[in-house]
Protein backbone atom coordinates (compact mmCIF):
# COMPACT_ATOMS: atom_id res chain seq x y z
CA MET A 1 62.63 23.33 23.93
CA ARG A 2 60.99 22.71 20.73
CA TRP A 3 57.19 22.98 20.51
CA PRO A 4 55.44 20.96 19.60
CA PRO A 5 57.72 18.10 20.65
CA TRP A 6 57.31 16.13 17.30
CA SER A 7 58.44 19.02 15.25
CA SER A 8 61.74 18.92 13.39
CA ASP A 9 64.77 20.93 14.28
CA SER A 10 65.72 21.35 10.63
CA PRO A 11 65.49 25.06 9.55
CA SER A 12 64.18 24.03 6.18
CA SER A 13 60.89 23.00 7.90
CA SER A 14 60.38 26.43 9.52
CA ASP A 15 57.36 28.33 8.42
CA ASP A 16 59.50 31.38 8.04
CA GLU A 17 61.80 29.97 5.47
CA PRO A 18 60.97 28.69 1.95
CA THR A 19 61.52 24.98 1.21
CA SER A 20 64.69 24.00 -0.55
CA LYS A 21 62.57 22.19 -3.14
CA ALA A 22 60.58 25.20 -4.17
CA LYS A 23 60.88 26.21 -7.81
CA ASP A 24 60.53 29.49 -9.68
CA PRO A 25 57.56 29.64 -12.05
CA ILE A 26 58.48 28.98 -15.71
CA SER A 27 57.10 31.54 -18.19
CA TRP A 28 55.81 30.76 -21.68
CA THR A 29 58.36 33.00 -23.26
CA SER A 30 61.21 31.23 -21.45
CA THR A 31 59.83 27.92 -22.86
CA LEU A 32 59.75 29.18 -26.38
CA ASN A 33 63.26 30.60 -26.04
CA ALA A 34 64.54 27.33 -24.82
CA THR A 35 63.00 25.30 -27.74
CA ASP A 36 65.39 24.30 -30.48
CA TRP A 37 63.70 25.46 -33.62
CA SER A 38 66.58 24.67 -36.02
CA HIS A 39 64.89 21.20 -36.66
CA TYR A 40 61.78 22.88 -38.03
CA THR A 41 63.76 25.09 -40.36
CA ASP A 42 65.95 22.37 -41.62
CA PRO A 43 65.40 21.81 -45.37
CA ARG A 44 65.28 18.09 -44.85
CA THR A 45 62.12 18.66 -42.83
CA ILE A 46 60.57 21.44 -44.85
CA ILE A 47 60.89 19.99 -48.39
CA PRO A 48 59.14 16.60 -47.61
CA THR A 49 56.50 18.45 -45.66
CA VAL A 50 55.78 20.89 -48.54
CA LEU A 51 55.74 18.05 -51.12
CA LEU A 52 53.45 15.78 -49.04
CA THR A 53 50.97 18.72 -48.50
CA GLY A 54 51.04 19.77 -52.15
CA THR A 55 50.62 16.21 -53.36
CA THR A 56 47.63 15.61 -51.05
CA LEU A 57 45.94 18.92 -52.19
CA PHE A 58 46.59 18.06 -55.86
CA PHE A 59 45.04 14.66 -55.61
CA TYR A 60 42.00 15.97 -53.58
CA ARG A 61 41.32 18.63 -56.17
CA PHE A 62 41.86 16.08 -59.01
CA TYR A 63 39.23 13.86 -57.35
CA ARG A 64 36.83 16.65 -56.81
CA SER A 65 37.12 17.75 -60.45
CA TYR A 66 37.32 14.44 -62.39
CA LEU A 67 36.60 11.39 -60.22
CA ARG A 68 33.66 12.48 -57.90
CA ARG A 69 30.44 10.80 -58.99
CA ILE A 70 27.60 13.31 -59.67
CA PRO A 71 24.24 11.72 -58.60
CA GLN A 72 21.82 14.29 -60.03
CA ALA A 73 21.55 17.34 -62.21
CA ALA A 74 21.05 19.45 -59.05
CA SER A 75 24.52 18.37 -57.78
CA ILE A 76 26.43 19.90 -60.73
CA SER A 77 28.33 22.95 -59.54
CA PRO A 78 27.96 26.26 -61.38
CA GLY A 79 31.55 26.09 -62.63
CA PHE A 80 30.84 22.71 -64.30
CA TRP A 81 28.22 24.00 -66.90
CA ARG A 82 29.60 24.71 -70.36
CA LYS A 83 33.12 23.75 -69.46
CA ARG A 84 32.94 20.04 -68.61
CA SER A 85 31.12 16.83 -69.64
CA LEU A 86 29.55 13.87 -67.90
CA PHE A 87 30.45 10.31 -68.99
CA GLY A 88 28.21 7.45 -67.86
CA THR A 89 25.78 4.62 -68.73
CA VAL A 90 22.18 5.27 -69.94
CA THR A 91 19.95 3.46 -67.50
CA SER A 92 16.55 4.44 -68.95
CA VAL A 93 14.90 6.58 -71.74
CA GLY A 94 11.92 8.66 -70.83
CA ASP A 95 10.80 9.83 -74.35
CA GLY A 96 12.24 10.89 -77.55
CA ASP A 97 14.57 13.55 -76.31
CA ASN A 98 15.58 12.77 -72.76
CA PHE A 99 17.05 9.88 -70.69
CA ARG A 100 18.65 8.95 -67.30
CA LEU A 101 22.42 8.79 -66.95
CA PHE A 102 24.39 6.92 -64.23
CA HIS A 103 27.55 8.98 -63.98
CA THR A 104 30.74 6.90 -64.04
CA PRO A 105 33.58 9.54 -63.95
CA GLY A 106 36.87 8.30 -65.49
CA GLY A 107 35.26 5.29 -67.05
CA ARG A 108 37.19 2.06 -67.10
CA LEU A 109 40.45 3.94 -66.32
CA ALA A 110 38.97 4.84 -62.88
CA GLY A 111 37.77 1.21 -62.20
CA TRP A 112 34.23 1.20 -63.58
CA GLY A 113 33.52 -2.31 -64.86
CA TRP A 114 36.30 -4.16 -63.07
CA LEU A 115 37.24 -2.59 -59.78
CA PRO A 116 35.54 -4.07 -56.58
CA GLY A 117 32.48 -1.75 -55.78
CA ARG A 118 32.43 -0.45 -59.34
CA THR A 119 32.02 -3.70 -61.29
CA LYS A 120 28.42 -3.08 -62.27
CA VAL A 121 26.10 -0.10 -62.85
CA PRO A 122 22.91 -0.62 -60.82
CA GLU A 123 19.90 -1.69 -62.76
CA LYS A 124 17.08 -1.99 -60.26
CA ARG A 125 14.78 1.02 -59.95
CA GLU A 126 15.15 1.16 -56.22
CA GLU A 127 18.97 1.14 -56.49
CA LEU A 128 18.91 3.97 -58.98
CA LYS A 129 16.62 6.31 -56.97
CA ASP A 130 18.19 9.71 -56.69
CA ARG A 131 21.33 8.47 -58.30
CA THR A 132 21.02 9.28 -61.91
CA VAL A 133 21.27 12.63 -63.93
CA HIS A 134 18.16 13.38 -65.97
CA VAL A 135 19.50 14.57 -69.42
CA ARG A 136 17.63 16.59 -72.02
CA ILE A 137 19.12 16.38 -75.43
CA ALA A 138 20.07 19.83 -76.53
CA GLY A 139 18.97 21.48 -79.78
CA VAL A 140 16.26 19.05 -80.71
CA ASP A 141 12.51 18.54 -80.05
CA ALA A 142 10.94 15.04 -80.41
CA PRO A 143 7.18 14.33 -80.81
CA GLU A 144 5.39 14.26 -77.50
CA LEU A 145 4.09 11.02 -75.82
CA ALA A 146 0.82 10.94 -74.13
CA HIS A 147 1.04 12.45 -70.60
CA PHE A 148 -0.86 14.74 -68.21
CA GLY A 149 -4.03 13.89 -70.10
CA ARG A 150 -2.62 14.99 -73.44
CA PRO A 151 -2.85 12.63 -76.46
CA GLU A 152 0.36 11.39 -78.01
CA GLN A 153 1.80 12.94 -81.20
CA PRO A 154 2.22 10.80 -84.42
CA TYR A 155 5.76 9.30 -84.41
CA SER A 156 6.37 9.90 -80.69
CA ARG A 157 6.64 6.15 -80.16
CA ASP A 158 8.83 5.76 -83.16
CA ALA A 159 11.22 8.43 -81.65
CA LEU A 160 11.18 6.69 -78.25
CA GLU A 161 11.89 3.30 -79.79
CA TRP A 162 14.73 4.70 -81.93
CA LEU A 163 16.37 6.50 -79.06
CA THR A 164 16.03 3.39 -76.74
CA ASN A 165 17.69 1.14 -79.28
CA TYR A 166 20.38 3.69 -79.96
CA ILE A 167 21.62 4.51 -76.43
CA LEU A 168 20.09 2.39 -73.73
CA HIS A 169 22.75 0.63 -71.57
CA ARG A 170 25.40 2.27 -73.64
CA ARG A 171 28.12 4.61 -72.50
CA VAL A 172 27.57 8.12 -73.61
CA ARG A 173 29.32 11.50 -73.07
CA ALA A 174 27.11 14.60 -72.37
CA TYR A 175 28.46 18.09 -72.69
CA VAL A 176 26.25 19.94 -70.31
CA TYR A 177 25.12 23.59 -70.82
CA ARG A 178 22.68 24.29 -68.07
CA ARG A 179 19.86 22.97 -65.78
CA ASP A 180 16.31 23.50 -67.07
CA GLN A 181 13.12 24.18 -65.17
CA TYR A 182 12.56 20.33 -64.75
CA ASP A 183 15.91 19.72 -63.11
CA ARG A 184 17.39 18.20 -66.32
CA ALA A 185 20.83 18.82 -67.63
CA VAL A 186 20.52 20.11 -71.11
CA ALA A 187 23.39 18.57 -73.19
CA THR A 188 24.85 17.66 -76.48
CA VAL A 189 25.21 13.88 -76.30
CA TYR A 190 27.62 11.57 -77.98
CA VAL A 191 27.75 7.79 -78.29
CA TRP A 192 30.12 5.38 -79.97
CA ARG A 193 28.59 3.26 -82.67
CA GLY A 194 31.13 0.87 -83.95
CA LEU A 195 34.19 2.93 -84.79
CA LEU A 196 32.28 6.21 -85.15
CA ARG A 197 31.41 8.68 -82.37
CA ARG A 198 27.88 9.90 -83.18
CA ASP A 199 25.98 13.01 -82.06
CA VAL A 200 22.66 11.65 -80.85
CA GLY A 201 20.66 14.70 -81.52
CA LEU A 202 22.04 15.10 -85.06
CA GLN A 203 21.11 11.45 -85.79
CA MET A 204 17.56 11.95 -84.66
CA LEU A 205 17.11 14.91 -86.98
CA ARG A 206 18.46 12.88 -89.87
CA GLN A 207 16.00 10.16 -89.06
CA GLY A 208 13.14 12.67 -89.24
CA LEU A 209 12.27 11.81 -85.56
CA ALA A 210 12.86 15.25 -84.12
CA THR A 211 12.84 18.90 -85.13
CA VAL A 212 15.37 21.64 -84.39
CA TYR A 213 14.42 23.09 -81.04
CA GLU A 214 12.64 26.38 -81.57
CA ALA A 215 11.98 28.77 -78.70
CA LYS A 216 12.25 32.39 -77.97
CA THR A 217 14.58 31.64 -74.98
CA GLY A 218 16.33 28.61 -73.55
CA ALA A 219 17.55 26.92 -76.82
CA GLU A 220 20.93 25.39 -76.51
CA PHE A 221 23.04 24.12 -79.46
CA GLY A 222 26.65 24.52 -78.42
CA LYS A 223 28.49 24.97 -81.73
CA VAL A 224 26.27 22.68 -83.92
CA GLU A 225 23.23 24.73 -84.71
CA GLU A 226 24.02 25.07 -88.43
CA LYS A 227 24.78 21.41 -88.66
CA TYR A 228 21.42 20.59 -86.98
CA ARG A 229 19.45 22.83 -89.37
CA ARG A 230 21.05 21.22 -92.36
CA ALA A 231 20.18 17.71 -90.95
CA GLU A 232 16.61 18.90 -90.59
CA TRP A 233 16.52 20.29 -94.12
CA TRP A 234 17.85 16.97 -95.45
CA ALA A 235 15.33 14.85 -93.56
CA LYS A 236 12.49 17.03 -95.01
CA ARG A 237 13.78 16.80 -98.49
CA LYS A 238 14.05 12.96 -98.17
CA ARG A 239 10.63 12.69 -96.49
CA LYS A 240 12.12 10.92 -93.50
CA GLY A 241 10.15 9.97 -90.40
CA MET A 242 7.46 12.66 -89.48
CA TRP A 243 8.13 14.48 -92.80
CA ALA A 244 6.65 11.47 -94.72
CA GLY A 245 3.05 12.64 -94.32
CA LYS A 246 1.13 15.42 -95.97
CA LYS A 247 2.52 18.96 -95.22
CA GLU A 248 -0.87 20.24 -94.24
CA LEU A 249 -1.22 17.53 -91.56
CA TYR A 250 2.16 18.13 -89.90
CA GLU A 251 2.36 19.67 -86.52
CA SER A 252 5.65 20.37 -84.88
CA PRO A 253 6.27 19.40 -81.28
CA ARG A 254 6.38 23.12 -80.37
CA ASP A 255 3.12 23.89 -82.09
CA TYR A 256 1.53 20.85 -80.43
CA LYS A 257 2.57 21.98 -76.98
CA LYS A 258 1.17 25.50 -77.66
CA ARG A 259 -2.12 24.07 -78.93
CA MET A 260 -2.44 21.83 -75.90
CA GLY A 261 -1.64 24.74 -73.68
CA LEU A 262 -4.47 26.84 -75.19
CA VAL A 263 -6.97 23.92 -74.93
CA GLU A 264 -6.14 23.40 -71.23
CA GLU A 265 -6.57 27.24 -70.64
CA VAL A 266 -10.05 27.14 -72.23
CA LYS A 267 -11.03 24.14 -70.09
CA LYS A 268 -10.13 26.17 -66.97
């Protein structure tokens, strides 16, 4: 007599025997061995995968190197200096030897001026905040405007007006050398005027509105120092701009800054 009475007579339900549906555990090794790997080693799978990965990496690197917009001088990577240039639109001119550049990498070929989202360079001050590269023109020193309580130098406003008329709202290319202590990109700058590509610093020297930058350290010229010195000599000879006055009354921007520094030290 079975006990309890509702229990089954089937031997498969006995506690002493394993169920017929019980399965052996499957090991990870067995699963791997059972996988058909031939699909993954098929050239028809490998070749498209390699091509797609390589193409993706190429375009990502191309974008990072040539199409990524640089918002400020502090954003320029160390490997960029002395090897690359910035192309963009001048949004403002600070004084006779520096300005603000809105970087437009790739220019019109990359859609600047016609592609949706890139049709127009921002103009409002609030739109440009933290979005422009401050550029210091390399190799030249323009007369100083009044600032920090210092009086302005003769011809400082002439230099500012000339530079503003020459490059403001124009596309320029800046070959950058380094970042200076004021977070500016020191660069040789070129602009197209008509059919000619002009070196902005060189033109300022020829107009007599800047001197060759003289300093014990930190002077940058690229490969044009001799050309700059010849332009300064020519402007002196022709009595252009700041060279038109009496020689004994002339004070270079460098001498002016040294004199102002001494005056301020005495006041302390």
